[in-house]
Amino acid sequence: MNLRHLLHAGRGVRDERGDVPGWVMITVMSAGLVALLTAFAGPQLRAMLESALSSVGG
């Protein structure tokens, strides 16, 4: 918590902007994780998906 949050904690004042840098970091890290998983496990994931779809589709 920063000083502004501590000063406004008891008064019900809320910053409506939110934690934009935090959300940007979470979004970038999530996209990086998806890209990393796709790069390393893409062929295996594709084979599993095709196998599952072929067993359902008949």
C-alpha atoms as a PDB file:
ATOM      1  CA  MET A   1       0.000   0.000   0.000  1.00  0.00           C
ATOM      2  CA  ASN A   2       1.209   3.461  -0.705  1.00  0.00           C
ATOM      3  CA  LEU A   3       0.715   6.550   1.430  1.00  0.00           C
ATOM      4  CA  ARG A   4      -2.328   7.775  -0.520  1.00  0.00           C
ATOM      5  CA  HIS A   5      -4.186   4.513   0.143  1.00  0.00           C
ATOM      6  CA  LEU A   6      -3.339   4.697   3.832  1.00  0.00           C
ATOM      7  CA  LEU A   7      -4.564   8.293   4.091  1.00  0.00           C
ATOM      8  CA  HIS A   8      -7.883   7.563   2.357  1.00  0.00           C
ATOM      9  CA  ALA A   9      -8.494   4.104   3.860  1.00  0.00           C
ATOM     10  CA  GLY A  10     -10.942   5.179   6.538  1.00  0.00           C
ATOM     11  CA  ARG A  11     -12.889   7.741   4.513  1.00  0.00           C
ATOM     12  CA  GLY A  12     -14.370   5.546   1.798  1.00  0.00           C
ATOM     13  CA  VAL A  13     -12.533   7.468  -0.944  1.00  0.00           C
ATOM     14  CA  ARG A  14     -11.658   5.190  -3.824  1.00  0.00           C
ATOM     15  CA  ASP A  15      -9.524   5.787  -6.878  1.00  0.00           C
ATOM     16  CA  GLU A  16     -11.692   4.728  -9.832  1.00  0.00           C
ATOM     17  CA  ARG A  17      -8.762   4.369 -12.223  1.00  0.00           C
ATOM     18  CA  GLY A  18      -7.623   1.109 -10.690  1.00  0.00           C
ATOM     19  CA  ASP A  19      -4.158  -0.336 -10.857  1.00  0.00           C
ATOM     20  CA  VAL A  20      -3.460   0.096 -14.572  1.00  0.00           C
ATOM     21  CA  PRO A  21       0.267  -0.797 -14.525  1.00  0.00           C
ATOM     22  CA  GLY A  22      -0.526  -3.954 -12.571  1.00  0.00           C
ATOM     23  CA  TRP A  23      -3.180  -5.050 -15.058  1.00  0.00           C
ATOM     24  CA  VAL A  24      -0.882  -4.289 -17.990  1.00  0.00           C
ATOM     25  CA  MET A  25       1.848  -6.430 -16.422  1.00  0.00           C
ATOM     26  CA  ILE A  26      -0.587  -9.309 -15.785  1.00  0.00           C
ATOM     27  CA  THR A  27      -1.852  -9.107 -19.386  1.00  0.00           C
ATOM     28  CA  VAL A  28       1.656  -9.062 -20.869  1.00  0.00           C
ATOM     29  CA  MET A  29       2.794 -11.941 -18.652  1.00  0.00           C
ATOM     30  CA  SER A  30      -0.292 -13.987 -19.559  1.00  0.00           C
ATOM     31  CA  ALA A  31       0.298 -13.420 -23.270  1.00  0.00           C
ATOM     32  CA  GLY A  32       3.947 -14.414 -22.815  1.00  0.00           C
ATOM     33  CA  LEU A  33       2.939 -17.595 -20.999  1.00  0.00           C
ATOM     34  CA  VAL A  34       0.514 -18.547 -23.772  1.00  0.00           C
ATOM     35  CA  ALA A  35       3.178 -17.886 -26.414  1.00  0.00           C
ATOM     36  CA  LEU A  36       5.718 -19.967 -24.477  1.00  0.00           C
ATOM     37  CA  LEU A  37       3.299 -22.874 -24.059  1.00  0.00           C
ATOM     38  CA  THR A  38       2.357 -22.716 -27.728  1.00  0.00           C
ATOM     39  CA  ALA A  39       5.992 -22.722 -28.806  1.00  0.00           C
ATOM     40  CA  PHE A  40       6.974 -25.706 -26.688  1.00  0.00           C
ATOM     41  CA  ALA A  41       3.801 -27.791 -26.553  1.00  0.00           C
ATOM     42  CA  GLY A  42       1.954 -26.706 -29.707  1.00  0.00           C
ATOM     43  CA  PRO A  43       2.320 -29.938 -31.682  1.00  0.00           C
ATOM     44  CA  GLN A  44       1.365 -32.108 -28.705  1.00  0.00           C
ATOM     45  CA  LEU A  45      -1.629 -29.945 -27.891  1.00  0.00           C
ATOM     46  CA  ARG A  46      -2.755 -30.014 -31.522  1.00  0.00           C
ATOM     47  CA  ALA A  47      -2.478 -33.828 -31.605  1.00  0.00           C
ATOM     48  CA  MET A  48      -4.489 -34.134 -28.376  1.00  0.00           C
ATOM     49  CA  LEU A  49      -7.193 -31.814 -29.723  1.00  0.00           C
ATOM     50  CA  GLU A  50      -7.426 -33.640 -33.054  1.00  0.00           C
ATOM     51  CA  SER A  51      -7.611 -36.988 -31.249  1.00  0.00           C
ATOM     52  CA  ALA A  52     -10.370 -35.754 -28.948  1.00  0.00           C
ATOM     53  CA  LEU A  53     -12.368 -34.247 -31.795  1.00  0.00           C
ATOM     54  CA  SER A  54     -12.059 -37.337 -33.929  1.00  0.00           C
ATOM     55  CA  SER A  55     -13.260 -39.579 -31.098  1.00  0.00           C
ATOM     56  CA  VAL A  56     -16.317 -37.363 -30.537  1.00  0.00           C
ATOM     57  CA  GLY A  57     -17.106 -36.816 -34.202  1.00  0.00           C
ATOM     58  CA  GLY A  58     -16.958 -40.483 -35.070  1.00  0.00           C
END
